[in-house]
């Protein structure tokens, strides 16, 4: 695996990002910050991951929120 020194998300799985954001903001807080249905309608980590893996623009928004969040 090649090193990505300029990628702050290197080595962090999408599941970890979603779980940490959900724990920090809750589903309602996530839906307020990122207006996507997987956070608004019957949200779960599993359904969110499925959607985010198929939807690059939404995944990018989630990753940017993760980087801006002070845990």
PDB file of N, CA and C in Angstrom:
ATOM      1  N   UNK A   1       0.851  -1.182   0.000  1.00  0.00           N
ATOM      2  CA  UNK A   1       0.000   0.000   0.000  1.00  0.00           C
ATOM      3  C   UNK A   1       0.894   1.242   0.000  1.00  0.00           C
ATOM      4  N   UNK A   2       0.591   2.171  -0.885  1.00  0.00           N
ATOM      5  CA  UNK A   2       1.444   3.356  -0.955  1.00  0.00           C
ATOM      6  C   UNK A   2       1.045   4.365   0.108  1.00  0.00           C
ATOM      7  N   UNK A   3       2.013   5.094   0.579  1.00  0.00           N
ATOM      8  CA  UNK A   3       1.794   6.095   1.610  1.00  0.00           C
ATOM      9  C   UNK A   3       1.114   7.318   1.005  1.00  0.00           C
ATOM     10  N   UNK A   4       0.229   7.921   1.787  1.00  0.00           N
ATOM     11  CA  UNK A   4      -0.454   9.133   1.350  1.00  0.00           C
ATOM     12  C   UNK A   4      -0.281  10.206   2.424  1.00  0.00           C
ATOM     13  N   UNK A   5       0.901  10.788   2.494  1.00  0.00           N
ATOM     14  CA  UNK A   5       1.171  11.720   3.589  1.00  0.00           C
ATOM     15  C   UNK A   5       0.296  12.977   3.570  1.00  0.00           C
ATOM     16  N   UNK A   6      -0.237  13.353   2.417  1.00  0.00           N
ATOM     17  CA  UNK A   6      -1.062  14.554   2.342  1.00  0.00           C
ATOM     18  C   UNK A   6      -2.560  14.268   2.454  1.00  0.00           C
ATOM     19  N   UNK A   7      -2.913  13.015   2.689  1.00  0.00           N
ATOM     20  CA  UNK A   7      -4.319  12.651   2.819  1.00  0.00           C
ATOM     21  C   UNK A   7      -4.643  12.452   4.303  1.00  0.00           C
ATOM     22  N   UNK A   8      -5.365  13.412   4.904  1.00  0.00           N
ATOM     23  CA  UNK A   8      -5.654  13.282   6.343  1.00  0.00           C
ATOM     24  C   UNK A   8      -6.585  12.119   6.670  1.00  0.00           C
ATOM     25  N   UNK A   9      -7.261  11.575   5.672  1.00  0.00           N
ATOM     26  CA  UNK A   9      -8.170  10.454   5.906  1.00  0.00           C
ATOM     27  C   UNK A   9      -7.519   9.101   5.632  1.00  0.00           C
ATOM     28  N   UNK A  10      -6.254   9.111   5.270  1.00  0.00           N
ATOM     29  CA  UNK A  10      -5.562   7.858   4.962  1.00  0.00           C
ATOM     30  C   UNK A  10      -5.615   6.916   6.162  1.00  0.00           C
ATOM     31  N   UNK A  11      -6.074   5.700   5.923  1.00  0.00           N
ATOM     32  CA  UNK A  11      -6.128   4.696   6.985  1.00  0.00           C
ATOM     33  C   UNK A  11      -7.398   4.735   7.810  1.00  0.00           C
ATOM     34  N   UNK A  12      -8.299   5.680   7.531  1.00  0.00           N
ATOM     35  CA  UNK A  12      -9.557   5.764   8.264  1.00  0.00           C
ATOM     36  C   UNK A  12     -10.663   5.209   7.386  1.00  0.00           C
ATOM     37  N   UNK A  13     -11.351   4.206   7.879  1.00  0.00           N
ATOM     38  CA  UNK A  13     -12.418   3.575   7.092  1.00  0.00           C
ATOM     39  C   UNK A  13     -13.672   4.442   7.119  1.00  0.00           C
ATOM     40  N   UNK A  14     -14.450   4.352   6.031  1.00  0.00           N
ATOM     41  CA  UNK A  14     -15.699   5.108   5.945  1.00  0.00           C
ATOM     42  C   UNK A  14     -16.627   4.750   7.109  1.00  0.00           C
ATOM     43  N   UNK A  15     -16.652   3.495   7.498  1.00  0.00           N
ATOM     44  CA  UNK A  15     -17.499   3.078   8.618  1.00  0.00           C
ATOM     45  C   UNK A  15     -17.114   3.822   9.896  1.00  0.00           C
ATOM     46  N   UNK A  16     -15.830   3.975  10.131  1.00  0.00           N
ATOM     47  CA  UNK A  16     -15.358   4.703  11.318  1.00  0.00           C
ATOM     48  C   UNK A  16     -15.804   6.162  11.261  1.00  0.00           C
ATOM     49  N   UNK A  17     -15.709   6.766  10.090  1.00  0.00           N
ATOM     50  CA  UNK A  17     -16.122   8.165   9.920  1.00  0.00           C
ATOM     51  C   UNK A  17     -17.606   8.320  10.251  1.00  0.00           C
ATOM     52  N   UNK A  18     -18.445   7.463   9.660  1.00  0.00           N
ATOM     53  CA  UNK A  18     -19.894   7.553   9.888  1.00  0.00           C
ATOM     54  C   UNK A  18     -20.218   7.296  11.356  1.00  0.00           C
ATOM     55  N   UNK A  19     -19.602   6.293  11.963  1.00  0.00           N
ATOM     56  CA  UNK A  19     -19.885   5.967  13.362  1.00  0.00           C
ATOM     57  C   UNK A  19     -19.483   7.107  14.291  1.00  0.00           C
ATOM     58  N   UNK A  20     -18.321   7.708  14.049  1.00  0.00           N
ATOM     59  CA  UNK A  20     -17.870   8.801  14.916  1.00  0.00           C
ATOM     60  C   UNK A  20     -18.730  10.050  14.738  1.00  0.00           C
ATOM     61  N   UNK A  21     -19.103  10.357  13.500  1.00  0.00           N
ATOM     62  CA  UNK A  21     -19.971  11.512  13.268  1.00  0.00           C
ATOM     63  C   UNK A  21     -21.342  11.290  13.891  1.00  0.00           C
ATOM     64  N   UNK A  22     -21.875  10.084  13.758  1.00  0.00           N
ATOM     65  CA  UNK A  22     -23.181   9.779  14.328  1.00  0.00           C
ATOM     66  C   UNK A  22     -23.142   9.884  15.856  1.00  0.00           C
ATOM     67  N   UNK A  23     -22.078   9.398  16.457  1.00  0.00           N
ATOM     68  CA  UNK A  23     -21.949   9.478  17.913  1.00  0.00           C
ATOM     69  C   UNK A  23     -21.831  10.933  18.368  1.00  0.00           C
ATOM     70  N   UNK A  24     -21.174  11.751  17.565  1.00  0.00           N
ATOM     71  CA  UNK A  24     -20.940  13.152  17.924  1.00  0.00           C
ATOM     72  C   UNK A  24     -22.182  14.017  17.705  1.00  0.00           C
ATOM     73  N   UNK A  25     -22.814  13.895  16.544  1.00  0.00           N
ATOM     74  CA  UNK A  25     -23.928  14.758  16.172  1.00  0.00           C
ATOM     75  C   UNK A  25     -25.301  14.114  16.323  1.00  0.00           C
ATOM     76  N   UNK A  26     -25.352  12.791  16.289  1.00  0.00           N
ATOM     77  CA  UNK A  26     -26.632  12.102  16.205  1.00  0.00           C
ATOM     78  C   UNK A  26     -27.144  12.156  14.771  1.00  0.00           C
ATOM     79  N   UNK A  27     -28.135  11.335  14.459  1.00  0.00           N
ATOM     80  CA  UNK A  27     -28.650  11.310  13.078  1.00  0.00           C
ATOM     81  C   UNK A  27     -29.283  12.644  12.696  1.00  0.00           C
ATOM     82  N   UNK A  28     -30.032  13.252  13.638  1.00  0.00           N
ATOM     83  CA  UNK A  28     -30.669  14.534  13.325  1.00  0.00           C
ATOM     84  C   UNK A  28     -29.639  15.610  13.046  1.00  0.00           C
ATOM     85  N   UNK A  29     -28.588  15.634  13.833  1.00  0.00           N
ATOM     86  CA  UNK A  29     -27.524  16.617  13.629  1.00  0.00           C
ATOM     87  C   UNK A  29     -26.818  16.416  12.302  1.00  0.00           C
ATOM     88  N   UNK A  30     -26.608  15.162  11.940  1.00  0.00           N
ATOM     89  CA  UNK A  30     -25.996  14.879  10.635  1.00  0.00           C
ATOM     90  C   UNK A  30     -26.912  15.318   9.503  1.00  0.00           C
ATOM     91  N   UNK A  31     -28.200  15.041   9.630  1.00  0.00           N
ATOM     92  CA  UNK A  31     -29.160  15.422   8.588  1.00  0.00           C
ATOM     93  C   UNK A  31     -29.241  16.938   8.438  1.00  0.00           C
ATOM     94  N   UNK A  32     -29.071  17.673   9.555  1.00  0.00           N
ATOM     95  CA  UNK A  32     -29.075  19.137   9.484  1.00  0.00           C
ATOM     96  C   UNK A  32     -27.846  19.649   8.744  1.00  0.00           C
ATOM     97  N   UNK A  33     -26.730  18.994   8.937  1.00  0.00           N
ATOM     98  CA  UNK A  33     -25.473  19.448   8.324  1.00  0.00           C
ATOM     99  C   UNK A  33     -25.311  18.968   6.884  1.00  0.00           C
ATOM    100  N   UNK A  34     -25.789  17.761   6.606  1.00  0.00           N
ATOM    101  CA  UNK A  34     -25.691  17.188   5.261  1.00  0.00           C
ATOM    102  C   UNK A  34     -27.078  16.662   4.902  1.00  0.00           C
ATOM    103  N   UNK A  35     -27.719  17.326   3.960  1.00  0.00           N
ATOM    104  CA  UNK A  35     -29.115  17.025   3.624  1.00  0.00           C
ATOM    105  C   UNK A  35     -29.193  15.832   2.665  1.00  0.00           C
ATOM    106  N   UNK A  36     -29.036  14.642   3.216  1.00  0.00           N
ATOM    107  CA  UNK A  36     -29.178  13.431   2.413  1.00  0.00           C
ATOM    108  C   UNK A  36     -30.113  12.465   3.140  1.00  0.00           C
ATOM    109  N   UNK A  37     -30.911  11.744   2.367  1.00  0.00           N
ATOM    110  CA  UNK A  37     -31.954  10.894   2.941  1.00  0.00           C
ATOM    111  C   UNK A  37     -31.422   9.792   3.843  1.00  0.00           C
ATOM    112  N   UNK A  38     -30.209   9.308   3.588  1.00  0.00           N
ATOM    113  CA  UNK A  38     -29.721   8.193   4.420  1.00  0.00           C
ATOM    114  C   UNK A  38     -29.512   8.638   5.870  1.00  0.00           C
ATOM    115  N   UNK A  39     -29.461   9.948   6.123  1.00  0.00           N
ATOM    116  CA  UNK A  39     -29.372  10.449   7.501  1.00  0.00           C
ATOM    117  C   UNK A  39     -30.736  10.866   8.045  1.00  0.00           C
ATOM    118  N   UNK A  40     -31.740  11.002   7.161  1.00  0.00           N
ATOM    119  CA  UNK A  40     -33.041  11.519   7.584  1.00  0.00           C
ATOM    120  C   UNK A  40     -34.096  10.438   7.738  1.00  0.00           C
ATOM    121  N   UNK A  41     -34.142   9.482   6.833  1.00  0.00           N
ATOM    122  CA  UNK A  41     -35.214   8.483   6.819  1.00  0.00           C
ATOM    123  C   UNK A  41     -34.704   7.133   7.309  1.00  0.00           C
ATOM    124  N   UNK A  42     -35.110   6.757   8.516  1.00  0.00           N
ATOM    125  CA  UNK A  42     -34.735   5.466   9.098  1.00  0.00           C
ATOM    126  C   UNK A  42     -33.228   5.210   8.994  1.00  0.00           C
ATOM    127  N   UNK A  43     -32.425   6.106   9.565  1.00  0.00           N
ATOM    128  CA  UNK A  43     -30.973   6.004   9.384  1.00  0.00           C
ATOM    129  C   UNK A  43     -30.344   4.844  10.142  1.00  0.00           C
ATOM    130  N   UNK A  44     -29.315   4.284   9.543  1.00  0.00           N
ATOM    131  CA  UNK A  44     -28.472   3.301  10.210  1.00  0.00           C
ATOM    132  C   UNK A  44     -27.081   3.419   9.599  1.00  0.00           C
ATOM    133  N   UNK A  45     -26.095   2.937  10.317  1.00  0.00           N
ATOM    134  CA  UNK A  45     -24.733   2.971   9.787  1.00  0.00           C
ATOM    135  C   UNK A  45     -24.670   2.149   8.512  1.00  0.00           C
ATOM    136  N   UNK A  46     -25.290   0.972   8.522  1.00  0.00           N
ATOM    137  CA  UNK A  46     -25.224   0.083   7.361  1.00  0.00           C
ATOM    138  C   UNK A  46     -25.833   0.727   6.111  1.00  0.00           C
ATOM    139  N   UNK A  47     -27.027   1.308   6.245  1.00  0.00           N
ATOM    140  CA  UNK A  47     -27.672   1.920   5.072  1.00  0.00           C
ATOM    141  C   UNK A  47     -26.909   3.155   4.606  1.00  0.00           C
ATOM    142  N   UNK A  48     -26.357   3.901   5.546  1.00  0.00           N
ATOM    143  CA  UNK A  48     -25.578   5.091   5.187  1.00  0.00           C
ATOM    144  C   UNK A  48     -24.322   4.695   4.416  1.00  0.00           C
ATOM    145  N   UNK A  49     -23.645   3.661   4.878  1.00  0.00           N
ATOM    146  CA  UNK A  49     -22.428   3.208   4.187  1.00  0.00           C
ATOM    147  C   UNK A  49     -22.749   2.751   2.776  1.00  0.00           C
ATOM    148  N   UNK A  50     -23.850   2.027   2.625  1.00  0.00           N
ATOM    149  CA  UNK A  50     -24.244   1.545   1.298  1.00  0.00           C
ATOM    150  C   UNK A  50     -24.454   2.726   0.345  1.00  0.00           C
ATOM    151  N   UNK A  51     -25.164   3.736   0.813  1.00  0.00           N
ATOM    152  CA  UNK A  51     -25.426   4.918  -0.016  1.00  0.00           C
ATOM    153  C   UNK A  51     -24.132   5.694  -0.299  1.00  0.00           C
ATOM    154  N   UNK A  52     -23.344   5.930   0.731  1.00  0.00           N
ATOM    155  CA  UNK A  52     -22.135   6.756   0.563  1.00  0.00           C
ATOM    156  C   UNK A  52     -21.109   6.088  -0.349  1.00  0.00           C
ATOM    157  N   UNK A  53     -21.047   4.763  -0.330  1.00  0.00           N
ATOM    158  CA  UNK A  53     -20.091   4.065  -1.204  1.00  0.00           C
ATOM    159  C   UNK A  53     -20.492   4.181  -2.671  1.00  0.00           C
ATOM    160  N   UNK A  54     -21.791   4.372  -2.936  1.00  0.00           N
ATOM    161  CA  UNK A  54     -22.268   4.490  -4.316  1.00  0.00           C
ATOM    162  C   UNK A  54     -22.391   5.940  -4.782  1.00  0.00           C
ATOM    163  N   UNK A  55     -22.203   6.893  -3.868  1.00  0.00           N
ATOM    164  CA  UNK A  55     -22.509   8.287  -4.171  1.00  0.00           C
ATOM    165  C   UNK A  55     -21.324   9.185  -3.805  1.00  0.00           C
ATOM    166  N   UNK A  56     -20.406   9.378  -4.749  1.00  0.00           N
ATOM    167  CA  UNK A  56     -19.170  10.120  -4.438  1.00  0.00           C
ATOM    168  C   UNK A  56     -19.380  11.525  -3.886  1.00  0.00           C
ATOM    169  N   UNK A  57     -20.353  12.276  -4.403  1.00  0.00           N
ATOM    170  CA  UNK A  57     -20.542  13.644  -3.906  1.00  0.00           C
ATOM    171  C   UNK A  57     -20.978  13.654  -2.443  1.00  0.00           C
ATOM    172  N   UNK A  58     -21.798  12.694  -2.055  1.00  0.00           N
ATOM    173  CA  UNK A  58     -22.259  12.625  -0.668  1.00  0.00           C
ATOM    174  C   UNK A  58     -21.121  12.180   0.247  1.00  0.00           C
ATOM    175  N   UNK A  59     -20.341  11.221  -0.222  1.00  0.00           N
ATOM    176  CA  UNK A  59     -19.203  10.757   0.575  1.00  0.00           C
ATOM    177  C   UNK A  59     -18.213  11.901   0.809  1.00  0.00           C
ATOM    178  N   UNK A  60     -18.000  12.713  -0.215  1.00  0.00           N
ATOM    179  CA  UNK A  60     -17.084  13.846  -0.085  1.00  0.00           C
ATOM    180  C   UNK A  60     -17.583  14.830   0.981  1.00  0.00           C
ATOM    181  N   UNK A  61     -18.889  15.073   1.019  1.00  0.00           N
ATOM    182  CA  UNK A  61     -19.445  15.972   2.027  1.00  0.00           C
ATOM    183  C   UNK A  61     -19.244  15.403   3.436  1.00  0.00           C
ATOM    184  N   UNK A  62     -19.452  14.104   3.575  1.00  0.00           N
ATOM    185  CA  UNK A  62     -19.283  13.455   4.882  1.00  0.00           C
ATOM    186  C   UNK A  62     -17.818  13.521   5.313  1.00  0.00           C
ATOM    187  N   UNK A  63     -16.906  13.259   4.386  1.00  0.00           N
ATOM    188  CA  UNK A  63     -15.478  13.319   4.715  1.00  0.00           C
ATOM    189  C   UNK A  63     -15.062  14.738   5.103  1.00  0.00           C
ATOM    190  N   UNK A  64     -15.581  15.740   4.409  1.00  0.00           N
ATOM    191  CA  UNK A  64     -15.240  17.127   4.741  1.00  0.00           C
ATOM    192  C   UNK A  64     -15.778  17.498   6.121  1.00  0.00           C
ATOM    193  N   UNK A  65     -17.007  17.068   6.449  1.00  0.00           N
ATOM    194  CA  UNK A  65     -17.557  17.325   7.769  1.00  0.00           C
ATOM    195  C   UNK A  65     -16.687  16.657   8.835  1.00  0.00           C
ATOM    196  N   UNK A  66     -16.257  15.443   8.573  1.00  0.00           N
ATOM    197  CA  UNK A  66     -15.400  14.716   9.526  1.00  0.00           C
ATOM    198  C   UNK A  66     -14.113  15.509   9.798  1.00  0.00           C
ATOM    199  N   UNK A  67     -13.513  16.044   8.749  1.00  0.00           N
ATOM    200  CA  UNK A  67     -12.270  16.785   8.916  1.00  0.00           C
ATOM    201  C   UNK A  67     -12.478  18.098   9.665  1.00  0.00           C
ATOM    202  N   UNK A  68     -13.661  18.693   9.555  1.00  0.00           N
ATOM    203  CA  UNK A  68     -13.947  19.971  10.219  1.00  0.00           C
ATOM    204  C   UNK A  68     -14.387  19.791  11.681  1.00  0.00           C
ATOM    205  N   UNK A  69     -14.753  18.564  12.049  1.00  0.00           N
ATOM    206  CA  UNK A  69     -15.319  18.318  13.369  1.00  0.00           C
ATOM    207  C   UNK A  69     -14.229  18.164  14.418  1.00  0.00           C
ATOM    208  N   UNK A  70     -14.424  18.864  15.548  1.00  0.00           N
ATOM    209  CA  UNK A  70     -13.516  18.710  16.694  1.00  0.00           C
ATOM    210  C   UNK A  70     -14.133  17.699  17.650  1.00  0.00           C
ATOM    211  N   UNK A  71     -13.582  16.506  17.665  1.00  0.00           N
ATOM    212  CA  UNK A  71     -14.120  15.457  18.536  1.00  0.00           C
ATOM    213  C   UNK A  71     -13.593  15.605  19.941  1.00  0.00           C
TER     214      UNK A  71
END
